[in-house]
Amino acid sequence: MDEHRLFLLLGALLLDALVGDPEPLWRRLPHPVVLAGRAIDALERRLNRRNLGVAAGRAAGALALALLLGGAIVAGLVLEALGLWPLELLAAAILLAQRSLYEHVAAVAAALRRGGLSAGRASVARIVGRDPERLDEAGVCRAAIESLAENFSDGVVAPAFWFAVAGLPGLFAYKALNTADSMIGHRSERHRHFGWAAARLDDLANLPASRLSALLIVFARPRALGRVLSAVVSDAGRHRSPNAGWPEAALAGALGIALAGPRQYAGASIQDAWMNAGARQQARADDVERALAVYRDACRGLWALAGLLAMAVLFFS
């Protein structure tokens, strides 16, 4: 890490918190994640042939992923080679999701308050893959809070981490990988083998950020320190995801409610362990609002960490 990159990270985090994703801009230009999605779709159509066996399917998926990540890394190197720090700052801010995540989750609480369960279902369906018609109000609220926790790790902390470690090439590669996992991460029969490499590498790439995101949530609520740590230590490793359980367990402990547990997706029922097991399972709209308050403080903790690391590197270099 170097202080220049860490100060850029701090600036990007602050810029994203202030501005977010300006919709008028992305109505005129394709967002970088959209471009990555188009590349993934093109590679998938060309390389994911029918009737590929396990080994051939995995090899084809690994080749597609290597081409995708190679292109992302080259793009990052080219931008860095220009030596224009405002461009680097803007590129990093675009690929962070602090404000947009906050707005999407806050919209669920607002919809429940304003329009009741039907409005809440319509709003939460924009951010989760669960069958909204199978969700009661508690289910809508839990889904929104769990999405907030998981995406704090995947959409905020992980991009910040990889930018701090490897600059724009690391950030671009991470976002391309995360997009690939969401599109082809062996969640369907077609991608069962082809998406194996994307899913496994995404799990590995998110491992440090998931632990760091849990730690940031712990420090966001020091008065609940014992309860939050207990939930993380007891339940994070019991989640079906190797990473999502960490921020979910931490946020569940901070709020004093239970998260995860059995969930219903389109055509599939997921039996998962409860995070902060034994706590109240009936989440409410005010729990979503309390979760957003924890999220804001955890984001401020990330800003402070970036600033402190930058000052430490500057002082000791």
Protein backbone atom coordinates (compact mmCIF):
# COMPACT_ATOMS: atom_id res chain seq x y z
CA MET A 1 0.00 0.00 0.00
CA ASP A 2 1.13 3.60 -0.55
CA GLU A 3 -0.18 6.83 0.88
CA HIS A 4 -1.14 8.25 -2.54
CA ARG A 5 -3.49 5.35 -3.21
CA LEU A 6 -4.91 5.40 0.32
CA PHE A 7 -5.64 9.13 0.13
CA LEU A 8 -7.30 8.50 -3.26
CA LEU A 9 -9.38 5.77 -1.62
CA LEU A 10 -10.50 8.12 1.12
CA GLY A 11 -11.45 10.73 -1.47
CA ALA A 12 -13.34 8.16 -3.54
CA LEU A 13 -15.28 6.94 -0.50
CA LEU A 14 -16.27 10.50 0.39
CA LEU A 15 -17.19 11.35 -3.21
CA ASP A 16 -19.34 8.25 -3.55
CA ALA A 17 -21.07 9.00 -0.22
CA LEU A 18 -21.90 12.52 -1.42
CA VAL A 19 -22.85 11.84 -5.04
CA GLY A 20 -23.53 8.13 -5.47
CA ASP A 21 -24.46 6.94 -8.95
CA PRO A 22 -25.89 9.90 -10.91
CA GLU A 23 -28.71 8.35 -12.95
CA PRO A 24 -28.70 11.01 -15.71
CA LEU A 25 -25.09 10.10 -16.50
CA TRP A 26 -25.70 6.35 -16.68
CA ARG A 27 -28.76 6.85 -18.87
CA ARG A 28 -26.38 8.31 -21.47
CA LEU A 29 -23.31 6.15 -20.87
CA PRO A 30 -22.97 2.45 -20.02
CA HIS A 31 -21.85 1.87 -16.45
CA PRO A 32 -18.54 -0.06 -16.18
CA VAL A 33 -20.38 -2.95 -14.51
CA VAL A 34 -22.77 -3.06 -17.47
CA LEU A 35 -19.77 -3.25 -19.82
CA ALA A 36 -18.35 -6.10 -17.74
CA GLY A 37 -21.72 -7.85 -17.93
CA ARG A 38 -21.75 -7.56 -21.71
CA ALA A 39 -18.26 -9.03 -21.90
CA ILE A 40 -19.26 -11.92 -19.65
CA ASP A 41 -22.37 -12.58 -21.73
CA ALA A 42 -20.32 -12.61 -24.96
CA LEU A 43 -17.71 -14.97 -23.50
CA GLU A 44 -20.40 -17.25 -22.09
CA ARG A 45 -22.21 -17.52 -25.42
CA ARG A 46 -18.97 -18.31 -27.25
CA LEU A 47 -17.35 -20.71 -24.78
CA ASN A 48 -20.16 -22.43 -22.86
CA ARG A 49 -21.00 -25.09 -25.41
CA ARG A 50 -23.74 -27.63 -24.87
CA ASN A 51 -22.93 -31.07 -23.51
CA LEU A 52 -19.60 -30.07 -21.98
CA GLY A 53 -18.56 -32.44 -19.23
CA VAL A 54 -17.43 -31.38 -15.77
CA ALA A 55 -13.75 -30.90 -16.62
CA ALA A 56 -14.34 -29.26 -20.01
CA GLY A 57 -17.06 -27.00 -18.60
CA ARG A 58 -14.84 -25.85 -15.76
CA ALA A 59 -11.92 -25.30 -18.12
CA ALA A 60 -14.09 -23.21 -20.46
CA GLY A 61 -15.34 -21.15 -17.54
CA ALA A 62 -11.81 -20.66 -16.23
CA LEU A 63 -10.67 -19.49 -19.69
CA ALA A 64 -13.57 -17.02 -19.90
CA LEU A 65 -12.74 -15.71 -16.43
CA ALA A 66 -9.04 -15.36 -17.27
CA LEU A 67 -9.87 -13.35 -20.39
CA LEU A 68 -12.29 -11.16 -18.45
CA LEU A 69 -9.89 -10.47 -15.58
CA GLY A 70 -7.00 -9.92 -17.98
CA GLY A 71 -8.99 -7.26 -19.80
CA ALA A 72 -9.99 -5.60 -16.53
CA ILE A 73 -6.40 -5.52 -15.28
CA VAL A 74 -5.12 -4.06 -18.56
CA ALA A 75 -7.81 -1.36 -18.44
CA GLY A 76 -6.76 -0.48 -14.88
CA LEU A 77 -3.08 -0.35 -15.83
CA VAL A 78 -3.81 1.92 -18.79
CA LEU A 79 -5.78 4.38 -16.64
CA GLU A 80 -3.07 4.41 -13.97
CA ALA A 81 -0.38 4.94 -16.61
CA LEU A 82 -2.05 8.22 -17.60
CA GLY A 83 -1.00 9.59 -14.22
CA LEU A 84 -4.17 11.66 -13.77
CA TRP A 85 -5.22 11.36 -10.12
CA PRO A 86 -8.68 12.99 -10.66
CA LEU A 87 -9.43 10.27 -13.22
CA GLU A 88 -8.31 7.55 -10.78
CA LEU A 89 -10.41 9.13 -8.03
CA LEU A 90 -13.50 9.22 -10.26
CA ALA A 91 -13.00 5.65 -11.48
CA ALA A 92 -12.71 4.35 -7.92
CA ALA A 93 -15.76 6.32 -6.73
CA ILE A 94 -17.87 4.95 -9.59
CA LEU A 95 -17.16 1.37 -8.51
CA LEU A 96 -18.07 1.89 -4.85
CA ALA A 97 -21.70 1.46 -3.81
CA GLN A 98 -22.12 3.23 -0.47
CA ARG A 99 -24.82 5.73 -1.37
CA SER A 100 -26.71 3.59 -3.89
CA LEU A 101 -26.88 0.69 -1.41
CA TYR A 102 -28.19 3.02 1.30
CA GLU A 103 -30.83 4.46 -1.03
CA HIS A 104 -32.08 1.07 -2.23
CA VAL A 105 -32.46 -0.32 1.29
CA ALA A 106 -33.97 2.90 2.65
CA ALA A 107 -36.55 2.69 -0.15
CA VAL A 108 -37.79 -0.63 1.29
CA ALA A 109 -38.44 0.88 4.72
CA ALA A 110 -40.11 3.91 3.12
CA ALA A 111 -42.30 1.67 0.94
CA LEU A 112 -43.45 -0.35 3.94
CA ARG A 113 -44.28 2.83 5.85
CA ARG A 114 -46.09 4.41 2.92
CA GLY A 115 -47.74 1.54 1.07
CA GLY A 116 -47.71 -1.48 3.35
CA LEU A 117 -46.69 -5.02 2.53
CA SER A 118 -47.38 -4.94 -1.23
CA ALA A 119 -45.23 -1.84 -1.68
CA GLY A 120 -42.49 -3.32 0.49
CA ARG A 121 -42.47 -6.51 -1.59
CA ALA A 122 -42.15 -4.53 -4.83
CA SER A 123 -39.29 -2.48 -3.40
CA VAL A 124 -37.31 -5.37 -1.92
CA ALA A 125 -37.65 -7.37 -5.16
CA ARG A 126 -35.31 -4.81 -6.75
CA ILE A 127 -32.41 -5.79 -4.48
CA VAL A 128 -32.87 -9.50 -3.63
CA GLY A 129 -33.56 -12.65 -5.61
CA ARG A 130 -36.20 -14.07 -3.28
CA ASP A 131 -39.77 -14.70 -4.30
CA PRO A 132 -41.40 -11.50 -2.96
CA GLU A 133 -44.90 -12.98 -2.92
CA ARG A 134 -43.74 -15.53 -0.32
CA LEU A 135 -42.48 -12.82 2.05
CA ASP A 136 -44.47 -11.42 4.94
CA GLU A 137 -43.49 -8.05 6.43
CA ALA A 138 -40.83 -9.63 8.64
CA GLY A 139 -39.45 -11.47 5.63
CA VAL A 140 -39.28 -8.26 3.60
CA CYS A 141 -37.44 -6.51 6.42
CA ARG A 142 -34.99 -9.37 6.97
CA ALA A 143 -34.28 -9.56 3.23
CA ALA A 144 -33.51 -5.84 3.10
CA ILE A 145 -31.23 -5.99 6.16
CA GLU A 146 -29.41 -9.09 4.92
CA SER A 147 -28.89 -7.43 1.53
CA LEU A 148 -27.48 -4.39 3.30
CA ALA A 149 -25.04 -6.53 5.30
CA GLU A 150 -23.86 -8.68 2.39
CA ASN A 151 -23.52 -5.76 -0.03
CA PHE A 152 -21.67 -3.68 2.54
CA SER A 153 -19.00 -6.34 2.23
CA ASP A 154 -19.24 -7.04 -1.53
CA GLY A 155 -20.10 -3.57 -2.78
CA VAL A 156 -18.20 -1.27 -0.42
CA VAL A 157 -15.50 -2.92 1.68
CA ALA A 158 -14.21 -5.40 -0.93
CA PRO A 159 -13.78 -2.81 -3.73
CA ALA A 160 -12.09 -0.47 -1.23
CA PHE A 161 -9.81 -3.29 -0.04
CA TRP A 162 -8.71 -4.33 -3.52
CA PHE A 163 -8.13 -0.73 -4.58
CA ALA A 164 -5.98 -0.18 -1.49
CA VAL A 165 -3.99 -3.37 -2.18
CA ALA A 166 -3.65 -3.28 -5.98
CA GLY A 167 -4.92 0.06 -7.28
CA LEU A 168 -7.24 0.34 -10.27
CA PRO A 169 -6.16 -3.02 -11.74
CA GLY A 170 -7.17 -4.73 -8.49
CA LEU A 171 -10.42 -2.81 -8.25
CA PHE A 172 -11.40 -3.43 -11.87
CA ALA A 173 -10.54 -7.12 -11.62
CA TYR A 174 -12.57 -7.49 -8.42
CA LYS A 175 -15.65 -5.81 -9.89
CA ALA A 176 -15.40 -7.93 -13.05
CA LEU A 177 -15.09 -11.08 -10.93
CA ASN A 178 -17.99 -10.13 -8.68
CA THR A 179 -20.16 -9.40 -11.72
CA ALA A 180 -19.19 -12.74 -13.24
CA ASP A 181 -20.14 -14.55 -10.04
CA SER A 182 -23.56 -12.87 -10.01
CA MET A 183 -24.19 -13.85 -13.64
CA ILE A 184 -22.67 -17.29 -14.06
CA GLY A 185 -21.67 -18.44 -10.56
CA HIS A 186 -23.12 -21.96 -11.11
CA ARG A 187 -26.56 -20.93 -9.85
CA SER A 188 -28.31 -22.66 -12.77
CA GLU A 189 -27.96 -25.95 -14.62
CA ARG A 190 -26.43 -24.13 -17.61
CA HIS A 191 -23.68 -22.62 -15.46
CA ARG A 192 -23.16 -25.50 -13.03
CA HIS A 193 -19.69 -26.27 -14.41
CA PHE A 194 -18.96 -23.16 -16.46
CA GLY A 195 -19.44 -20.87 -13.45
CA TRP A 196 -17.41 -22.95 -11.02
CA ALA A 197 -14.20 -20.91 -11.34
CA ALA A 198 -16.02 -17.59 -10.96
CA ALA A 199 -17.84 -18.76 -7.84
CA ARG A 200 -14.76 -20.21 -6.17
CA LEU A 201 -12.49 -17.25 -6.96
CA ASP A 202 -15.17 -14.78 -5.85
CA ASP A 203 -15.41 -16.58 -2.51
CA LEU A 204 -11.65 -16.24 -2.11
CA ALA A 205 -11.56 -12.58 -3.18
CA ASN A 206 -14.30 -11.66 -0.70
CA LEU A 207 -12.79 -13.49 2.26
CA PRO A 208 -10.72 -10.57 3.70
CA ALA A 209 -13.45 -7.98 3.10
CA SER A 210 -16.16 -10.06 4.77
CA ARG A 211 -14.11 -10.29 7.97
CA LEU A 212 -13.21 -6.61 7.81
CA SER A 213 -16.85 -5.62 7.24
CA ALA A 214 -17.84 -7.57 10.37
CA LEU A 215 -15.12 -5.79 12.33
CA LEU A 216 -16.34 -2.39 11.10
CA ILE A 217 -19.87 -3.25 12.25
CA VAL A 218 -18.49 -4.32 15.63
CA PHE A 219 -16.81 -0.93 16.08
CA ALA A 220 -19.89 0.88 14.77
CA ARG A 221 -21.79 -0.28 17.86
CA PRO A 222 -19.29 -0.44 20.75
CA ARG A 223 -22.09 -0.48 23.34
CA ALA A 224 -23.25 -3.80 21.91
CA LEU A 225 -19.71 -5.15 21.59
CA GLY A 226 -20.28 -8.36 23.54
CA ARG A 227 -23.52 -9.20 21.75
CA VAL A 228 -22.07 -8.52 18.30
CA LEU A 229 -18.90 -10.52 18.91
CA SER A 230 -20.92 -13.39 20.35
CA ALA A 231 -23.12 -13.53 17.23
CA VAL A 232 -20.09 -13.46 14.92
CA VAL A 233 -18.12 -16.09 16.82
CA SER A 234 -21.11 -18.38 17.30
CA ASP A 235 -22.88 -18.14 13.96
CA ALA A 236 -20.82 -16.59 11.13
CA GLY A 237 -19.20 -19.90 10.23
CA ARG A 238 -22.57 -21.69 10.16
CA HIS A 239 -23.87 -19.67 7.19
CA ARG A 240 -24.08 -21.54 3.88
CA SER A 241 -21.91 -18.81 2.33
CA PRO A 242 -18.26 -18.69 3.47
CA ASN A 243 -18.42 -14.89 3.54
CA ALA A 244 -21.97 -13.56 3.88
CA GLY A 245 -22.34 -14.93 7.40
CA TRP A 246 -19.73 -12.53 8.80
CA PRO A 247 -21.41 -9.18 8.11
CA GLU A 248 -24.88 -10.71 8.56
CA ALA A 249 -24.04 -12.14 11.97
CA ALA A 250 -22.41 -8.87 13.03
CA LEU A 251 -25.38 -6.78 11.93
CA ALA A 252 -27.83 -9.23 13.52
CA GLY A 253 -25.95 -8.91 16.82
CA ALA A 254 -25.84 -5.12 16.55
CA LEU A 255 -29.61 -4.96 16.03
CA GLY A 256 -30.54 -7.71 18.48
CA ILE A 257 -32.48 -9.69 15.87
CA ALA A 258 -31.97 -12.97 14.00
CA LEU A 259 -31.07 -12.95 10.29
CA ALA A 260 -30.67 -15.54 7.51
CA GLY A 261 -32.44 -18.80 8.40
CA PRO A 262 -34.78 -20.57 5.92
CA ARG A 263 -35.42 -18.55 2.75
CA GLN A 264 -37.54 -19.00 -0.37
CA TYR A 265 -36.14 -18.16 -3.79
CA ALA A 266 -37.87 -18.62 -7.13
CA GLY A 267 -38.35 -22.34 -7.37
CA ALA A 268 -36.01 -23.22 -4.50
CA SER A 269 -36.10 -23.31 -0.72
CA ILE A 270 -32.86 -22.61 1.15
CA GLN A 271 -32.41 -24.06 4.62
CA ASP A 272 -29.77 -21.97 6.34
CA ALA A 273 -28.64 -21.39 9.91
CA TRP A 274 -29.87 -18.37 11.85
CA MET A 275 -27.38 -15.60 12.48
CA ASN A 276 -27.67 -14.44 16.10
CA ALA A 277 -29.77 -17.50 16.75
CA GLY A 278 -32.26 -17.21 19.56
CA ALA A 279 -32.91 -13.50 19.04
CA ARG A 280 -36.16 -12.01 17.74
CA GLN A 281 -36.97 -13.23 14.21
CA GLN A 282 -39.83 -10.84 13.46
CA ALA A 283 -37.96 -7.91 11.92
CA ARG A 284 -39.82 -4.62 11.49
CA ALA A 285 -39.46 -1.48 9.36
CA ASP A 286 -37.77 0.31 12.24
CA ASP A 287 -35.15 -2.48 12.28
CA VAL A 288 -34.34 -1.64 8.66
CA GLU A 289 -33.90 2.00 9.67
CA ARG A 290 -31.69 1.01 12.63
CA ALA A 291 -29.64 -1.18 10.29
CA LEU A 292 -29.10 1.80 8.01
CA ALA A 293 -27.84 3.81 11.00
CA VAL A 294 -25.31 1.04 11.79
CA TYR A 295 -24.33 0.98 8.12
CA ARG A 296 -23.67 4.72 8.08
CA ASP A 297 -21.42 4.42 11.12
CA ALA A 298 -19.60 1.41 9.66
CA CYS A 299 -18.95 3.39 6.46
CA ARG A 300 -17.54 6.23 8.56
CA GLY A 301 -15.32 3.67 10.24
CA LEU A 302 -14.03 2.63 6.81
CA TRP A 303 -13.27 6.28 5.98
CA ALA A 304 -11.38 6.62 9.26
CA LEU A 305 -9.44 3.41 8.60
CA ALA A 306 -8.40 4.60 5.12
CA GLY A 307 -7.31 7.97 6.52
CA LEU A 308 -5.39 6.46 9.43
CA LEU A 309 -3.60 3.98 7.16
CA ALA A 310 -2.67 6.77 4.75
CA MET A 311 -1.25 8.87 7.58
CA ALA A 312 0.62 5.88 9.04
CA VAL A 313 2.21 4.99 5.70
CA LEU A 314 3.12 8.65 5.10
CA PHE A 315 4.62 9.00 8.58
CA PHE A 316 6.65 5.78 8.54
CA SER A 317 7.81 5.91 4.91
